[in-house]
Amino acid sequence: MKKLLLIFLAIGFISCGSSKTVRESKKVIKGNWTLNSVAYSEAGRYNVTLLNDTSKNCFENSTWQFIPNNNTGTYTINDSSCSTGVRNFVFTIQEVDAETGLYDFLLKPTDMRNKSETNQGFRLKLTSLTETTMQWRQIVNLEGQPFSIDMNFTKL
């Protein structure tokens, strides 16, 4: 009887936790990354402020650290012509469709104590994740049409 109860409890804990795919993704994302490039779906020059922080040029070559065991991280703007420094955030990975492997990456900027002043976050698509590369896609509206912003990372 005890064994049967333990089996049911184990199944309950496993089913309530995140999926195996999300757990694997968190293992891969753990560590330090560089945001190498930011690309737009349409050609042209755009004045875009990413994550309500700063411009595309400032984000390029920024360094990112992900700590999945408590869903926190930091990114550092390194470009001296920008407002440099460390920014904090909390994040989560949500599986959108298990069959296609699509994920949403939710990121919320915070202070050093992981508290958000505005409680505003950003939903990005985690479109690609390997041991060495990662890509996020944010879709926004530009003149009533979908406009994609791709952020391309490499692992350090």
C-alpha atoms as a PDB file:
ATOM      1  CA  MET A   1       0.000   0.000   0.000  1.00  0.00           C
ATOM      2  CA  LYS A   2       2.852   2.400   0.863  1.00  0.00           C
ATOM      3  CA  LYS A   3       4.528   1.677  -2.475  1.00  0.00           C
ATOM      4  CA  LEU A   4       1.327   2.377  -4.345  1.00  0.00           C
ATOM      5  CA  LEU A   5       0.887   5.674  -2.484  1.00  0.00           C
ATOM      6  CA  LEU A   6       4.499   6.668  -3.257  1.00  0.00           C
ATOM      7  CA  ILE A   7       4.005   5.875  -6.939  1.00  0.00           C
ATOM      8  CA  PHE A   8       0.904   8.079  -7.104  1.00  0.00           C
ATOM      9  CA  LEU A   9       2.709  10.902  -5.302  1.00  0.00           C
ATOM     10  CA  ALA A  10       5.673  10.654  -7.660  1.00  0.00           C
ATOM     11  CA  ILE A  11       3.384  10.762 -10.699  1.00  0.00           C
ATOM     12  CA  GLY A  12       1.605  13.772  -9.217  1.00  0.00           C
ATOM     13  CA  PHE A  13       4.837  15.683  -8.652  1.00  0.00           C
ATOM     14  CA  ILE A  14       6.130  14.872 -12.119  1.00  0.00           C
ATOM     15  CA  SER A  15       2.903  15.906 -13.835  1.00  0.00           C
ATOM     16  CA  CYS A  16       2.748  19.196 -11.917  1.00  0.00           C
ATOM     17  CA  GLY A  17       6.318  20.183 -12.753  1.00  0.00           C
ATOM     18  CA  SER A  18       7.533  21.695 -15.994  1.00  0.00           C
ATOM     19  CA  SER A  19       7.831  19.465 -19.023  1.00  0.00           C
ATOM     20  CA  LYS A  20      10.990  17.539 -19.770  1.00  0.00           C
ATOM     21  CA  THR A  21      11.612  19.772 -22.784  1.00  0.00           C
ATOM     22  CA  VAL A  22      11.429  22.932 -20.663  1.00  0.00           C
ATOM     23  CA  ARG A  23      13.727  21.407 -18.028  1.00  0.00           C
ATOM     24  CA  GLU A  24      16.241  20.516 -20.749  1.00  0.00           C
ATOM     25  CA  SER A  25      15.992  24.035 -22.179  1.00  0.00           C
ATOM     26  CA  LYS A  26      16.777  25.522 -18.772  1.00  0.00           C
ATOM     27  CA  LYS A  27      19.900  23.346 -18.554  1.00  0.00           C
ATOM     28  CA  VAL A  28      21.064  24.574 -21.956  1.00  0.00           C
ATOM     29  CA  ILE A  29      20.301  28.233 -21.294  1.00  0.00           C
ATOM     30  CA  LYS A  30      22.184  28.243 -17.979  1.00  0.00           C
ATOM     31  CA  GLY A  31      25.349  30.301 -18.124  1.00  0.00           C
ATOM     32  CA  ASN A  32      26.773  33.270 -19.951  1.00  0.00           C
ATOM     33  CA  TRP A  33      25.793  34.451 -23.419  1.00  0.00           C
ATOM     34  CA  THR A  34      26.553  37.332 -25.780  1.00  0.00           C
ATOM     35  CA  LEU A  35      23.800  39.034 -27.759  1.00  0.00           C
ATOM     36  CA  ASN A  36      25.666  39.225 -31.081  1.00  0.00           C
ATOM     37  CA  SER A  37      23.074  40.793 -33.322  1.00  0.00           C
ATOM     38  CA  VAL A  38      19.581  42.186 -33.519  1.00  0.00           C
ATOM     39  CA  ALA A  39      17.840  41.893 -36.895  1.00  0.00           C
ATOM     40  CA  TYR A  40      14.516  43.140 -38.207  1.00  0.00           C
ATOM     41  CA  SER A  41      12.125  41.339 -40.574  1.00  0.00           C
ATOM     42  CA  GLU A  42      11.923  44.416 -42.809  1.00  0.00           C
ATOM     43  CA  ALA A  43      14.804  46.310 -44.347  1.00  0.00           C
ATOM     44  CA  GLY A  44      15.291  49.885 -43.216  1.00  0.00           C
ATOM     45  CA  ARG A  45      16.340  52.004 -40.277  1.00  0.00           C
ATOM     46  CA  TYR A  46      14.114  51.846 -37.216  1.00  0.00           C
ATOM     47  CA  ASN A  47      14.249  53.617 -33.890  1.00  0.00           C
ATOM     48  CA  VAL A  48      13.425  50.643 -31.640  1.00  0.00           C
ATOM     49  CA  THR A  49      13.857  50.568 -27.858  1.00  0.00           C
ATOM     50  CA  LEU A  50      14.319  46.941 -26.814  1.00  0.00           C
ATOM     51  CA  LEU A  51      12.892  45.751 -23.482  1.00  0.00           C
ATOM     52  CA  ASN A  52      11.970  49.382 -22.698  1.00  0.00           C
ATOM     53  CA  ASP A  53      15.668  49.939 -22.076  1.00  0.00           C
ATOM     54  CA  THR A  54      17.844  51.051 -24.961  1.00  0.00           C
ATOM     55  CA  SER A  55      18.520  50.809 -28.701  1.00  0.00           C
ATOM     56  CA  LYS A  56      19.494  47.894 -30.905  1.00  0.00           C
ATOM     57  CA  ASN A  57      23.057  49.242 -31.194  1.00  0.00           C
ATOM     58  CA  CYS A  58      23.441  49.322 -27.414  1.00  0.00           C
ATOM     59  CA  PHE A  59      22.115  45.777 -27.022  1.00  0.00           C
ATOM     60  CA  GLU A  60      24.458  44.304 -29.601  1.00  0.00           C
ATOM     61  CA  ASN A  61      27.484  42.719 -27.875  1.00  0.00           C
ATOM     62  CA  SER A  62      25.793  42.898 -24.471  1.00  0.00           C
ATOM     63  CA  THR A  63      26.548  40.003 -22.116  1.00  0.00           C
ATOM     64  CA  TRP A  64      23.814  37.944 -20.465  1.00  0.00           C
ATOM     65  CA  GLN A  65      23.790  35.538 -17.549  1.00  0.00           C
ATOM     66  CA  PHE A  66      20.938  33.083 -16.919  1.00  0.00           C
ATOM     67  CA  ILE A  67      20.439  31.341 -13.559  1.00  0.00           C
ATOM     68  CA  PRO A  68      17.582  28.868 -14.162  1.00  0.00           C
ATOM     69  CA  ASN A  69      17.377  27.389 -10.663  1.00  0.00           C
ATOM     70  CA  ASN A  70      15.790  30.644  -9.457  1.00  0.00           C
ATOM     71  CA  ASN A  71      14.718  32.014 -12.877  1.00  0.00           C
ATOM     72  CA  THR A  72      16.840  35.147 -12.612  1.00  0.00           C
ATOM     73  CA  GLY A  73      19.544  36.734 -14.676  1.00  0.00           C
ATOM     74  CA  THR A  74      21.394  39.847 -15.651  1.00  0.00           C
ATOM     75  CA  TYR A  75      22.473  41.556 -18.816  1.00  0.00           C
ATOM     76  CA  THR A  76      25.209  44.119 -19.143  1.00  0.00           C
ATOM     77  CA  ILE A  77      25.254  46.873 -21.747  1.00  0.00           C
ATOM     78  CA  ASN A  78      28.908  47.233 -22.717  1.00  0.00           C
ATOM     79  CA  ASP A  79      28.835  49.915 -25.432  1.00  0.00           C
ATOM     80  CA  SER A  80      30.465  53.014 -23.938  1.00  0.00           C
ATOM     81  CA  SER A  81      28.291  55.328 -26.069  1.00  0.00           C
ATOM     82  CA  CYS A  82      25.223  53.955 -24.236  1.00  0.00           C
ATOM     83  CA  SER A  83      24.017  53.931 -20.654  1.00  0.00           C
ATOM     84  CA  THR A  84      26.243  51.040 -19.591  1.00  0.00           C
ATOM     85  CA  GLY A  85      25.819  48.744 -16.643  1.00  0.00           C
ATOM     86  CA  VAL A  86      24.107  45.677 -15.292  1.00  0.00           C
ATOM     87  CA  ARG A  87      20.359  45.151 -15.534  1.00  0.00           C
ATOM     88  CA  ASN A  88      18.454  42.443 -13.661  1.00  0.00           C
ATOM     89  CA  PHE A  89      15.534  40.335 -14.813  1.00  0.00           C
ATOM     90  CA  VAL A  90      13.428  37.299 -13.992  1.00  0.00           C
ATOM     91  CA  PHE A  91      12.432  34.846 -16.699  1.00  0.00           C
ATOM     92  CA  THR A  92      10.515  31.703 -17.420  1.00  0.00           C
ATOM     93  CA  ILE A  93      10.272  29.359 -20.362  1.00  0.00           C
ATOM     94  CA  GLN A  94       6.782  28.171 -21.267  1.00  0.00           C
ATOM     95  CA  GLU A  95       6.117  25.382 -23.715  1.00  0.00           C
ATOM     96  CA  VAL A  96       3.503  26.558 -26.194  1.00  0.00           C
ATOM     97  CA  ASP A  97       3.205  23.435 -28.351  1.00  0.00           C
ATOM     98  CA  ALA A  98       4.860  20.153 -27.369  1.00  0.00           C
ATOM     99  CA  GLU A  99       4.522  18.726 -30.883  1.00  0.00           C
ATOM    100  CA  THR A 100       6.318  21.575 -32.638  1.00  0.00           C
ATOM    101  CA  GLY A 101       8.681  22.431 -29.790  1.00  0.00           C
ATOM    102  CA  LEU A 102       7.656  26.089 -29.764  1.00  0.00           C
ATOM    103  CA  TYR A 103       8.352  28.053 -26.584  1.00  0.00           C
ATOM    104  CA  ASP A 104       7.547  31.417 -25.130  1.00  0.00           C
ATOM    105  CA  PHE A 105      10.303  33.118 -23.214  1.00  0.00           C
ATOM    106  CA  LEU A 106       8.898  35.541 -20.644  1.00  0.00           C
ATOM    107  CA  LEU A 107      11.293  38.196 -19.364  1.00  0.00           C
ATOM    108  CA  LYS A 108      10.541  40.852 -16.758  1.00  0.00           C
ATOM    109  CA  PRO A 109      13.104  43.570 -15.924  1.00  0.00           C
ATOM    110  CA  THR A 110      13.618  43.979 -12.155  1.00  0.00           C
ATOM    111  CA  ASP A 111      15.813  45.692  -9.617  1.00  0.00           C
ATOM    112  CA  MET A 112      18.670  43.974  -7.780  1.00  0.00           C
ATOM    113  CA  ARG A 113      16.173  42.324  -5.380  1.00  0.00           C
ATOM    114  CA  ASN A 114      14.207  40.912  -8.340  1.00  0.00           C
ATOM    115  CA  LYS A 115      11.299  43.311  -7.774  1.00  0.00           C
ATOM    116  CA  SER A 116       9.661  44.985 -10.748  1.00  0.00           C
ATOM    117  CA  GLU A 117       8.766  48.669 -10.505  1.00  0.00           C
ATOM    118  CA  THR A 118       6.237  48.512 -13.358  1.00  0.00           C
ATOM    119  CA  ASN A 119       5.332  44.798 -13.308  1.00  0.00           C
ATOM    120  CA  GLN A 120       5.766  44.915 -17.096  1.00  0.00           C
ATOM    121  CA  GLY A 121       7.257  41.955 -18.880  1.00  0.00           C
ATOM    122  CA  PHE A 122       7.973  40.849 -22.413  1.00  0.00           C
ATOM    123  CA  ARG A 123       6.844  37.734 -24.261  1.00  0.00           C
ATOM    124  CA  LEU A 124       9.412  36.544 -26.766  1.00  0.00           C
ATOM    125  CA  LYS A 125       9.469  33.411 -28.880  1.00  0.00           C
ATOM    126  CA  LEU A 126      12.397  31.134 -28.140  1.00  0.00           C
ATOM    127  CA  THR A 127      12.779  30.128 -31.786  1.00  0.00           C
ATOM    128  CA  SER A 128      16.118  28.331 -31.574  1.00  0.00           C
ATOM    129  CA  LEU A 129      18.213  26.895 -28.753  1.00  0.00           C
ATOM    130  CA  THR A 130      21.338  24.746 -29.069  1.00  0.00           C
ATOM    131  CA  GLU A 131      24.317  24.213 -26.804  1.00  0.00           C
ATOM    132  CA  THR A 132      26.043  27.231 -28.413  1.00  0.00           C
ATOM    133  CA  THR A 133      23.348  29.442 -29.992  1.00  0.00           C
ATOM    134  CA  MET A 134      19.983  30.880 -29.076  1.00  0.00           C
ATOM    135  CA  GLN A 135      17.488  33.071 -30.925  1.00  0.00           C
ATOM    136  CA  TRP A 136      14.557  35.066 -29.566  1.00  0.00           C
ATOM    137  CA  ARG A 137      11.869  36.621 -31.737  1.00  0.00           C
ATOM    138  CA  GLN A 138       9.639  39.461 -30.621  1.00  0.00           C
ATOM    139  CA  ILE A 139       6.703  40.306 -32.838  1.00  0.00           C
ATOM    140  CA  VAL A 140       5.367  43.854 -32.646  1.00  0.00           C
ATOM    141  CA  ASN A 141       3.048  45.909 -34.837  1.00  0.00           C
ATOM    142  CA  LEU A 142       4.472  48.431 -37.267  1.00  0.00           C
ATOM    143  CA  GLU A 143       1.866  50.450 -39.132  1.00  0.00           C
ATOM    144  CA  GLY A 144      -0.704  47.723 -38.496  1.00  0.00           C
ATOM    145  CA  GLN A 145       1.513  44.911 -39.798  1.00  0.00           C
ATOM    146  CA  PRO A 146       3.494  42.271 -37.857  1.00  0.00           C
ATOM    147  CA  PHE A 147       7.161  43.198 -37.504  1.00  0.00           C
ATOM    148  CA  SER A 148       9.725  40.732 -36.149  1.00  0.00           C
ATOM    149  CA  ILE A 149      12.790  41.529 -34.107  1.00  0.00           C
ATOM    150  CA  ASP A 150      15.287  38.644 -33.897  1.00  0.00           C
ATOM    151  CA  MET A 151      17.906  38.595 -31.147  1.00  0.00           C
ATOM    152  CA  ASN A 152      20.795  36.208 -31.826  1.00  0.00           C
ATOM    153  CA  PHE A 153      22.988  34.907 -28.990  1.00  0.00           C
ATOM    154  CA  THR A 154      26.109  32.765 -28.700  1.00  0.00           C
ATOM    155  CA  LYS A 155      27.190  31.007 -25.540  1.00  0.00           C
ATOM    156  CA  LEU A 156      30.468  32.049 -23.955  1.00  0.00           C
END
